[in-house]
C-alpha atoms as a PDB file:
ATOM      1  CA  MET A   1     104.324  95.706  67.797  1.00  0.00           C
ATOM      2  CA  VAL A   2     101.958  93.209  69.794  1.00  0.00           C
ATOM      3  CA  LYS A   3     104.225  90.442  72.208  1.00  0.00           C
ATOM      4  CA  ILE A   4     103.852  86.968  71.019  1.00  0.00           C
ATOM      5  CA  GLY A   5     104.891  84.105  73.108  1.00  0.00           C
ATOM      6  CA  ALA A   6     104.641  80.765  74.760  1.00  0.00           C
ATOM      7  CA  HIS A   7     103.364  78.709  77.291  1.00  0.00           C
ATOM      8  CA  VAL A   8     106.651  77.257  78.789  1.00  0.00           C
ATOM      9  CA  ASP A   9     108.344  75.505  81.546  1.00  0.00           C
ATOM     10  CA  LEU A  10     108.994  77.689  84.336  1.00  0.00           C
ATOM     11  CA  ALA A  11     112.266  75.870  84.955  1.00  0.00           C
ATOM     12  CA  ASP A  12     113.660  76.968  81.670  1.00  0.00           C
ATOM     13  CA  ALA A  13     111.938  79.840  80.857  1.00  0.00           C
ATOM     14  CA  VAL A  14     114.213  82.117  79.318  1.00  0.00           C
ATOM     15  CA  GLY A  15     115.991  79.198  77.176  1.00  0.00           C
ATOM     16  CA  ALA A  16     112.493  78.398  75.977  1.00  0.00           C
ATOM     17  CA  ALA A  17     111.726  82.120  74.579  1.00  0.00           C
ATOM     18  CA  LYS A  18     115.177  82.451  73.208  1.00  0.00           C
ATOM     19  CA  ALA A  19     114.423  79.066  71.625  1.00  0.00           C
ATOM     20  CA  LEU A  20     111.223  80.260  70.250  1.00  0.00           C
ATOM     21  CA  GLY A  21     111.682  83.848  69.408  1.00  0.00           C
ATOM     22  CA  ALA A  22     109.315  84.522  72.045  1.00  0.00           C
ATOM     23  CA  ASP A  23     108.879  88.175  73.792  1.00  0.00           C
ATOM     24  CA  THR A  24     106.668  86.866  76.663  1.00  0.00           C
ATOM     25  CA  VAL A  25     106.106  83.605  78.302  1.00  0.00           C
ATOM     26  CA  GLN A  26     103.365  81.979  80.785  1.00  0.00           C
ATOM     27  CA  VAL A  27     104.345  79.609  83.241  1.00  0.00           C
ATOM     28  CA  PHE A  28     102.602  77.300  85.975  1.00  0.00           C
ATOM     29  CA  LEU A  29     104.506  77.706  89.477  1.00  0.00           C
ATOM     30  CA  SER A  30     102.589  74.426  90.576  1.00  0.00           C
ATOM     31  CA  ASP A  31     100.884  71.264  89.121  1.00  0.00           C
ATOM     32  CA  PRO A  32      98.193  72.299  87.367  1.00  0.00           C
ATOM     33  CA  GLN A  33      96.158  69.672  88.597  1.00  0.00           C
ATOM     34  CA  ALA A  34      97.316  69.234  92.033  1.00  0.00           C
ATOM     35  CA  TRP A  35      96.413  71.555  95.440  1.00  0.00           C
ATOM     36  CA  LYS A  36      99.928  72.086  96.813  1.00  0.00           C
ATOM     37  CA  VAL A  37     102.133  74.597  95.568  1.00  0.00           C
ATOM     38  CA  PRO A  38     105.956  73.736  95.997  1.00  0.00           C
ATOM     39  CA  GLU A  39     109.264  75.419  96.432  1.00  0.00           C
ATOM     40  CA  LEU A  40     109.504  77.071  93.130  1.00  0.00           C
ATOM     41  CA  PRO A  41     111.286  74.755  90.600  1.00  0.00           C
ATOM     42  CA  TYR A  42     113.977  77.432  89.827  1.00  0.00           C
ATOM     43  CA  GLU A  43     117.418  78.006  91.152  1.00  0.00           C
ATOM     44  CA  GLY A  44     117.556  80.318  93.004  1.00  0.00           C
ATOM     45  CA  GLY A  45     113.949  80.948  93.588  1.00  0.00           C
ATOM     46  CA  ALA A  46     111.827  83.450  93.062  1.00  0.00           C
ATOM     47  CA  GLU A  47     114.105  86.249  93.453  1.00  0.00           C
ATOM     48  CA  ALA A  48     116.466  84.357  90.599  1.00  0.00           C
ATOM     49  CA  PHE A  49     113.325  83.863  88.185  1.00  0.00           C
ATOM     50  CA  ARG A  50     112.547  87.703  88.276  1.00  0.00           C
ATOM     51  CA  ALA A  51     116.081  88.916  87.682  1.00  0.00           C
ATOM     52  CA  ASP A  52     116.807  86.268  84.662  1.00  0.00           C
ATOM     53  CA  VAL A  53     113.532  87.147  82.940  1.00  0.00           C
ATOM     54  CA  GLU A  54     114.274  90.463  83.525  1.00  0.00           C
ATOM     55  CA  ALA A  55     117.441  90.709  82.462  1.00  0.00           C
ATOM     56  CA  ALA A  56     116.120  88.635  79.280  1.00  0.00           C
ATOM     57  CA  GLY A  57     113.406  91.534  78.516  1.00  0.00           C
ATOM     58  CA  LEU A  58     110.647  89.205  78.601  1.00  0.00           C
ATOM     59  CA  ASP A  59     106.992  89.489  80.337  1.00  0.00           C
ATOM     60  CA  VAL A  60     106.250  86.880  82.419  1.00  0.00           C
ATOM     61  CA  TYR A  61     102.256  85.543  82.984  1.00  0.00           C
ATOM     62  CA  VAL A  62     101.095  82.667  85.345  1.00  0.00           C
ATOM     63  CA  HIS A  63      98.205  80.880  84.393  1.00  0.00           C
ATOM     64  CA  ALA A  64      96.611  78.959  88.186  1.00  0.00           C
ATOM     65  CA  PRO A  65      96.233  75.318  88.471  1.00  0.00           C
ATOM     66  CA  TYR A  66      93.340  73.840  86.559  1.00  0.00           C
ATOM     67  CA  VAL A  67      91.681  72.838  90.080  1.00  0.00           C
ATOM     68  CA  ILE A  68      90.590  76.221  90.893  1.00  0.00           C
ATOM     69  CA  ASN A  69      86.988  76.274  91.205  1.00  0.00           C
ATOM     70  CA  VAL A  70      86.283  79.557  93.428  1.00  0.00           C
ATOM     71  CA  ALA A  71      82.463  79.935  91.761  1.00  0.00           C
ATOM     72  CA  SER A  72      81.831  76.423  93.408  1.00  0.00           C
ATOM     73  CA  THR A  73      78.720  76.160  95.925  1.00  0.00           C
ATOM     74  CA  ASN A  74      80.485  72.726  97.015  1.00  0.00           C
ATOM     75  CA  ASN A  75      82.765  74.404 100.022  1.00  0.00           C
ATOM     76  CA  ARG A  76      85.524  71.410 100.066  1.00  0.00           C
ATOM     77  CA  ILE A  77      85.944  72.895  96.591  1.00  0.00           C
ATOM     78  CA  ARG A  78      85.829  76.396  97.147  1.00  0.00           C
ATOM     79  CA  ILE A  79      87.178  77.005 100.096  1.00  0.00           C
ATOM     80  CA  PRO A  80      90.314  75.177  98.719  1.00  0.00           C
ATOM     81  CA  SER A  81      90.275  77.119  95.516  1.00  0.00           C
ATOM     82  CA  ARG A  82      90.415  80.590  97.325  1.00  0.00           C
ATOM     83  CA  LYS A  83      93.579  79.454  99.355  1.00  0.00           C
ATOM     84  CA  LEU A  84      95.258  78.230  95.798  1.00  0.00           C
ATOM     85  CA  LEU A  85      94.390  81.362  94.351  1.00  0.00           C
ATOM     86  CA  GLN A  86      95.775  83.573  97.117  1.00  0.00           C
ATOM     87  CA  GLN A  87      99.330  81.244  97.173  1.00  0.00           C
ATOM     88  CA  ILE A  88      99.402  81.619  93.629  1.00  0.00           C
ATOM     89  CA  MET A  89      98.565  85.099  93.469  1.00  0.00           C
ATOM     90  CA  ASP A  90     101.531  85.768  95.953  1.00  0.00           C
ATOM     91  CA  GLY A  91     103.888  83.833  94.292  1.00  0.00           C
ATOM     92  CA  ALA A  92     103.211  85.370  91.239  1.00  0.00           C
ATOM     93  CA  SER A  93     103.858  88.586  92.620  1.00  0.00           C
ATOM     94  CA  ALA A  94     107.128  87.121  93.625  1.00  0.00           C
ATOM     95  CA  VAL A  95     108.330  86.822  89.909  1.00  0.00           C
ATOM     96  CA  GLY A  96     106.666  89.798  88.542  1.00  0.00           C
ATOM     97  CA  ALA A  97     104.371  88.328  86.982  1.00  0.00           C
ATOM     98  CA  LYS A  98     101.777  90.818  84.837  1.00  0.00           C
ATOM     99  CA  GLY A  99      98.950  88.850  85.713  1.00  0.00           C
ATOM    100  CA  VAL A 100      97.607  85.431  86.698  1.00  0.00           C
ATOM    101  CA  VAL A 101      95.323  83.415  84.218  1.00  0.00           C
ATOM    102  CA  VAL A 102      92.041  81.831  85.934  1.00  0.00           C
ATOM    103  CA  HIS A 103      89.316  79.752  84.144  1.00  0.00           C
ATOM    104  CA  GLY A 104      85.554  81.480  84.797  1.00  0.00           C
ATOM    105  CA  GLY A 105      84.887  77.649  86.761  1.00  0.00           C
ATOM    106  CA  HIS A 106      81.121  76.631  87.093  1.00  0.00           C
ATOM    107  CA  VAL A 107      78.873  75.796  89.429  1.00  0.00           C
ATOM    108  CA  THR A 108      76.753  72.616  89.152  1.00  0.00           C
ATOM    109  CA  ALA A 109      72.747  71.633  87.092  1.00  0.00           C
ATOM    110  CA  ASN A 110      71.268  71.446  90.420  1.00  0.00           C
ATOM    111  CA  ASP A 111      72.815  75.711  91.379  1.00  0.00           C
ATOM    112  CA  ASP A 112      71.260  78.575  90.931  1.00  0.00           C
ATOM    113  CA  PRO A 113      74.227  80.450  88.546  1.00  0.00           C
ATOM    114  CA  ALA A 114      73.987  83.355  90.609  1.00  0.00           C
ATOM    115  CA  LYS A 115      75.622  81.499  93.528  1.00  0.00           C
ATOM    116  CA  GLY A 116      78.398  81.117  91.157  1.00  0.00           C
ATOM    117  CA  PHE A 117      79.060  84.820  90.416  1.00  0.00           C
ATOM    118  CA  ASP A 118      78.204  85.887  93.974  1.00  0.00           C
ATOM    119  CA  ASN A 119      81.568  83.513  94.954  1.00  0.00           C
ATOM    120  CA  TRP A 120      83.455  85.009  92.533  1.00  0.00           C
ATOM    121  CA  ARG A 121      82.248  88.229  93.751  1.00  0.00           C
ATOM    122  CA  LYS A 122      83.518  87.541  97.123  1.00  0.00           C
ATOM    123  CA  ALA A 123      86.563  85.350  95.939  1.00  0.00           C
ATOM    124  CA  ILE A 124      87.932  88.808  94.596  1.00  0.00           C
ATOM    125  CA  ASP A 125      86.881  90.664  97.835  1.00  0.00           C
ATOM    126  CA  ALA A 126      89.389  88.273  99.746  1.00  0.00           C
ATOM    127  CA  LEU A 127      92.154  88.230  97.371  1.00  0.00           C
ATOM    128  CA  GLU A 128      95.533  90.035  99.047  1.00  0.00           C
ATOM    129  CA  THR A 129      97.487  91.121  95.556  1.00  0.00           C
ATOM    130  CA  ASP A 130      99.378  93.457  93.677  1.00  0.00           C
ATOM    131  CA  VAL A 131      98.849  91.162  90.849  1.00  0.00           C
ATOM    132  CA  PRO A 132      95.669  91.334  87.932  1.00  0.00           C
ATOM    133  CA  VAL A 133      93.657  88.284  87.756  1.00  0.00           C
ATOM    134  CA  LEU A 134      92.602  87.681  84.385  1.00  0.00           C
ATOM    135  CA  ILE A 135      89.899  85.774  83.889  1.00  0.00           C
ATOM    136  CA  GLU A 136      89.839  83.529  80.909  1.00  0.00           C
ATOM    137  CA  ASN A 137      86.755  82.238  78.601  1.00  0.00           C
ATOM    138  CA  THR A 138      86.277  78.406  78.833  1.00  0.00           C
ATOM    139  CA  ALA A 139      84.829  76.086  75.675  1.00  0.00           C
ATOM    140  CA  GLY A 140      82.490  73.652  77.339  1.00  0.00           C
ATOM    141  CA  GLY A 141      79.831  73.140  79.677  1.00  0.00           C
ATOM    142  CA  ASP A 142      76.314  74.466  80.337  1.00  0.00           C
ATOM    143  CA  HIS A 143      77.092  75.885  83.810  1.00  0.00           C
ATOM    144  CA  SER A 144      80.185  77.826  83.060  1.00  0.00           C
ATOM    145  CA  MET A 145      80.565  80.987  84.852  1.00  0.00           C
ATOM    146  CA  ALA A 146      82.331  82.308  81.087  1.00  0.00           C
ATOM    147  CA  ARG A 147      81.363  80.111  78.613  1.00  0.00           C
ATOM    148  CA  ARG A 148      78.778  81.956  76.759  1.00  0.00           C
ATOM    149  CA  LEU A 149      78.635  86.127  76.661  1.00  0.00           C
ATOM    150  CA  GLU A 150      75.581  86.659  78.534  1.00  0.00           C
ATOM    151  CA  ARG A 151      77.642  84.695  81.347  1.00  0.00           C
ATOM    152  CA  ILE A 152      80.419  86.494  80.570  1.00  0.00           C
ATOM    153  CA  GLU A 153      78.367  89.758  81.341  1.00  0.00           C
ATOM    154  CA  GLN A 154      76.514  88.673  84.570  1.00  0.00           C
ATOM    155  CA  LEU A 155      80.518  87.638  85.493  1.00  0.00           C
ATOM    156  CA  TRP A 156      81.538  90.853  84.951  1.00  0.00           C
ATOM    157  CA  ALA A 157      79.020  92.359  87.235  1.00  0.00           C
ATOM    158  CA  ALA A 158      79.734  90.324  90.327  1.00  0.00           C
ATOM    159  CA  VAL A 159      83.413  91.164  89.592  1.00  0.00           C
ATOM    160  CA  THR A 160      83.405  94.499  89.535  1.00  0.00           C
ATOM    161  CA  ALA A 161      81.576  95.067  92.407  1.00  0.00           C
ATOM    162  CA  ALA A 162      84.129  93.378  94.642  1.00  0.00           C
ATOM    163  CA  ASP A 163      86.342  95.437  95.930  1.00  0.00           C
ATOM    164  CA  GLY A 164      89.300  95.557  93.964  1.00  0.00           C
ATOM    165  CA  GLY A 165      87.345  94.431  91.044  1.00  0.00           C
ATOM    166  CA  GLN A 166      88.358  97.316  88.583  1.00  0.00           C
ATOM    167  CA  ASP A 167      91.708  95.570  88.280  1.00  0.00           C
ATOM    168  CA  VAL A 168      90.433  92.469  87.234  1.00  0.00           C
ATOM    169  CA  GLY A 169      91.258  91.783  83.455  1.00  0.00           C
ATOM    170  CA  PHE A 170      89.842  89.362  80.744  1.00  0.00           C
ATOM    171  CA  THR A 171      92.066  86.557  78.847  1.00  0.00           C
ATOM    172  CA  LEU A 172      90.438  85.511  75.520  1.00  0.00           C
ATOM    173  CA  ASP A 173      91.087  82.140  74.549  1.00  0.00           C
ATOM    174  CA  THR A 174      90.262  81.673  70.701  1.00  0.00           C
ATOM    175  CA  CYS A 175      89.828  78.112  70.856  1.00  0.00           C
ATOM    176  CA  HIS A 176      87.436  77.983  73.587  1.00  0.00           C
ATOM    177  CA  ALA A 177      85.444  81.098  72.564  1.00  0.00           C
ATOM    178  CA  TRP A 178      85.094  79.205  68.699  1.00  0.00           C
ATOM    179  CA  ALA A 179      84.671  75.920  70.681  1.00  0.00           C
ATOM    180  CA  GLY A 180      82.075  77.955  73.155  1.00  0.00           C
ATOM    181  CA  GLY A 181      80.312  79.304  70.016  1.00  0.00           C
ATOM    182  CA  ILE A 182      81.229  83.203  70.615  1.00  0.00           C
ATOM    183  CA  ASP A 183      81.339  84.099  67.235  1.00  0.00           C
ATOM    184  CA  LEU A 184      85.033  85.070  66.452  1.00  0.00           C
ATOM    185  CA  ALA A 185      84.334  87.617  63.664  1.00  0.00           C
ATOM    186  CA  THR A 186      82.867  89.932  66.304  1.00  0.00           C
ATOM    187  CA  ALA A 187      84.445  88.159  69.552  1.00  0.00           C
ATOM    188  CA  VAL A 188      86.871  91.192  70.422  1.00  0.00           C
ATOM    189  CA  ASP A 189      84.312  93.527  70.224  1.00  0.00           C
ATOM    190  CA  GLN A 190      81.548  92.208  72.065  1.00  0.00           C
ATOM    191  CA  ILE A 191      83.485  91.135  75.242  1.00  0.00           C
ATOM    192  CA  ARG A 192      85.205  94.590  74.974  1.00  0.00           C
ATOM    193  CA  ALA A 193      81.438  96.077  75.302  1.00  0.00           C
ATOM    194  CA  VAL A 194      80.715  93.486  78.466  1.00  0.00           C
ATOM    195  CA  THR A 195      84.294  94.156  79.858  1.00  0.00           C
ATOM    196  CA  GLY A 196      85.942  97.095  78.726  1.00  0.00           C
ATOM    197  CA  ARG A 197      89.002  95.234  78.439  1.00  0.00           C
ATOM    198  CA  ILE A 198      91.382  92.213  76.804  1.00  0.00           C
ATOM    199  CA  ASP A 199      94.861  91.755  78.926  1.00  0.00           C
ATOM    200  CA  LEU A 200      95.804  89.058  77.152  1.00  0.00           C
ATOM    201  CA  VAL A 201      94.865  86.730  74.073  1.00  0.00           C
ATOM    202  CA  HIS A 202      95.684  82.602  74.011  1.00  0.00           C
ATOM    203  CA  ALA A 203      96.054  82.225  70.626  1.00  0.00           C
ATOM    204  CA  ASN A 204      95.091  78.690  69.631  1.00  0.00           C
ATOM    205  CA  ASP A 205      93.480  76.549  66.740  1.00  0.00           C
ATOM    206  CA  SER A 206      90.623  74.310  67.729  1.00  0.00           C
ATOM    207  CA  ARG A 207      90.163  70.511  66.199  1.00  0.00           C
ATOM    208  CA  ASP A 208      86.820  70.709  66.725  1.00  0.00           C
ATOM    209  CA  ALA A 209      83.676  72.291  65.264  1.00  0.00           C
ATOM    210  CA  ALA A 210      82.111  76.035  66.014  1.00  0.00           C
ATOM    211  CA  GLY A 211      80.114  75.458  69.160  1.00  0.00           C
ATOM    212  CA  SER A 212      81.359  71.782  70.430  1.00  0.00           C
ATOM    213  CA  GLY A 213      82.390  72.572  73.112  1.00  0.00           C
ATOM    214  CA  ALA A 214      85.520  70.533  73.202  1.00  0.00           C
ATOM    215  CA  ASP A 215      88.637  72.145  74.369  1.00  0.00           C
ATOM    216  CA  ARG A 216      91.351  70.520  72.033  1.00  0.00           C
ATOM    217  CA  HIS A 217      93.935  72.965  71.066  1.00  0.00           C
ATOM    218  CA  THR A 218      96.238  72.534  67.791  1.00  0.00           C
ATOM    219  CA  ASN A 219      98.726  74.311  65.576  1.00  0.00           C
ATOM    220  CA  PHE A 220      98.048  77.313  63.229  1.00  0.00           C
ATOM    221  CA  GLY A 221      96.458  76.214  59.861  1.00  0.00           C
ATOM    222  CA  GLN A 222      96.021  72.447  61.486  1.00  0.00           C
ATOM    223  CA  GLY A 223      92.818  72.912  63.099  1.00  0.00           C
ATOM    224  CA  LEU A 224      89.069  74.068  62.016  1.00  0.00           C
ATOM    225  CA  ILE A 225      89.296  77.789  62.845  1.00  0.00           C
ATOM    226  CA  PRO A 226      89.735  79.783  59.488  1.00  0.00           C
ATOM    227  CA  GLU A 227      92.906  81.869  59.196  1.00  0.00           C
ATOM    228  CA  ASP A 228      91.295  85.247  58.849  1.00  0.00           C
ATOM    229  CA  LEU A 229      89.604  84.925  61.997  1.00  0.00           C
ATOM    230  CA  LEU A 230      91.865  83.648  64.121  1.00  0.00           C
ATOM    231  CA  VAL A 231      94.328  86.843  63.139  1.00  0.00           C
ATOM    232  CA  GLY A 232      91.452  88.952  63.042  1.00  0.00           C
ATOM    233  CA  VAL A 233      91.353  88.079  66.999  1.00  0.00           C
ATOM    234  CA  VAL A 234      94.586  89.052  67.657  1.00  0.00           C
ATOM    235  CA  ALA A 235      94.963  91.635  65.454  1.00  0.00           C
ATOM    236  CA  ALA A 236      91.391  93.455  66.786  1.00  0.00           C
ATOM    237  CA  ALA A 237      92.686  92.850  70.323  1.00  0.00           C
ATOM    238  CA  GLY A 238      96.032  94.231  70.122  1.00  0.00           C
ATOM    239  CA  ALA A 239      96.802  92.462  73.455  1.00  0.00           C
ATOM    240  CA  PRO A 240      99.928  90.203  74.377  1.00  0.00           C
ATOM    241  CA  VAL A 241      99.542  87.205  73.285  1.00  0.00           C
ATOM    242  CA  ILE A 242     100.239  83.467  74.621  1.00  0.00           C
ATOM    243  CA  CYS A 243     100.129  80.183  72.198  1.00  0.00           C
ATOM    244  CA  GLU A 244      98.832  77.185  73.981  1.00  0.00           C
ATOM    245  CA  THR A 245      99.528  74.757  70.359  1.00  0.00           C
ATOM    246  CA  LYS A 246     101.193  71.403  70.297  1.00  0.00           C
ATOM    247  CA  GLY A 247     104.990  70.477  70.556  1.00  0.00           C
ATOM    248  CA  ASP A 248     107.602  73.089  69.111  1.00  0.00           C
ATOM    249  CA  MET A 249     105.571  76.401  69.355  1.00  0.00           C
ATOM    250  CA  ALA A 250     108.453  78.740  67.152  1.00  0.00           C
ATOM    251  CA  PRO A 251     106.415  78.158  64.108  1.00  0.00           C
ATOM    252  CA  ASP A 252     102.981  79.440  65.323  1.00  0.00           C
ATOM    253  CA  ILE A 253     105.131  81.918  67.059  1.00  0.00           C
ATOM    254  CA  ALA A 254     106.434  82.693  63.410  1.00  0.00           C
ATOM    255  CA  TRP A 255     103.522  82.106  61.829  1.00  0.00           C
ATOM    256  CA  LEU A 256     101.042  84.579  63.912  1.00  0.00           C
ATOM    257  CA  ARG A 257     104.018  87.468  63.289  1.00  0.00           C
ATOM    258  CA  GLU A 258     104.123  86.635  59.714  1.00  0.00           C
ATOM    259  CA  ARG A 259     100.645  87.885  59.357  1.00  0.00           C
ATOM    260  CA  LEU A 260     100.113  90.428  61.372  1.00  0.00           C
ATOM    261  CA  GLY A 261     102.804  92.533  59.585  1.00  0.00           C
END
């Protein structure tokens, strides 16, 4: 049975999972748009959170802040990104997370993409962690490191050359793949051919057309991704699933479970 869950507020992760009927949860450890990591917003701290989710039988994934861009050639972005990523990895280890989802990032139009890939290698080299980094494909940007398959292939060649690169995993987001121009009918096979693995699926419908580059999630059946393609990705990946749709995600979790049989 594939474990299916949702992104929830860390402060009430156990209660939210119960209300949603979730087997697994994804949380932020800090404001996703900020560079600082405050005290964990959970009574009793990381140790209490870890004990509570384990008692509830939940697997936990952490999503890194969106501001992180370890690919950047700008020292004022790249260096703080590495520092913040290390802080998040430390926090994820403390709460017993199965992995940390990190967006692939981007370079600018004036940069050689090879520099961005090599910056990823250096970032993995420098990390000290016992939690896997799960690089997520992104929806838009002509200079993204993980939007299109050829870029993902170059990125993977770089990170697997790093010390610890064998532990780097992949998060496949259905909305991002759809918007990014990856064919969902073959996405799992194509990505596995590059990475050898898919560790987590972000299952989301898309409000926009295939190839649009727009990252706008919506609930299952309310977007433009055909049902058979969305369910097909989840079934083929066979990995844990996190829904990042809108509002009450209990119907989305139930919708997906019903179609997976």
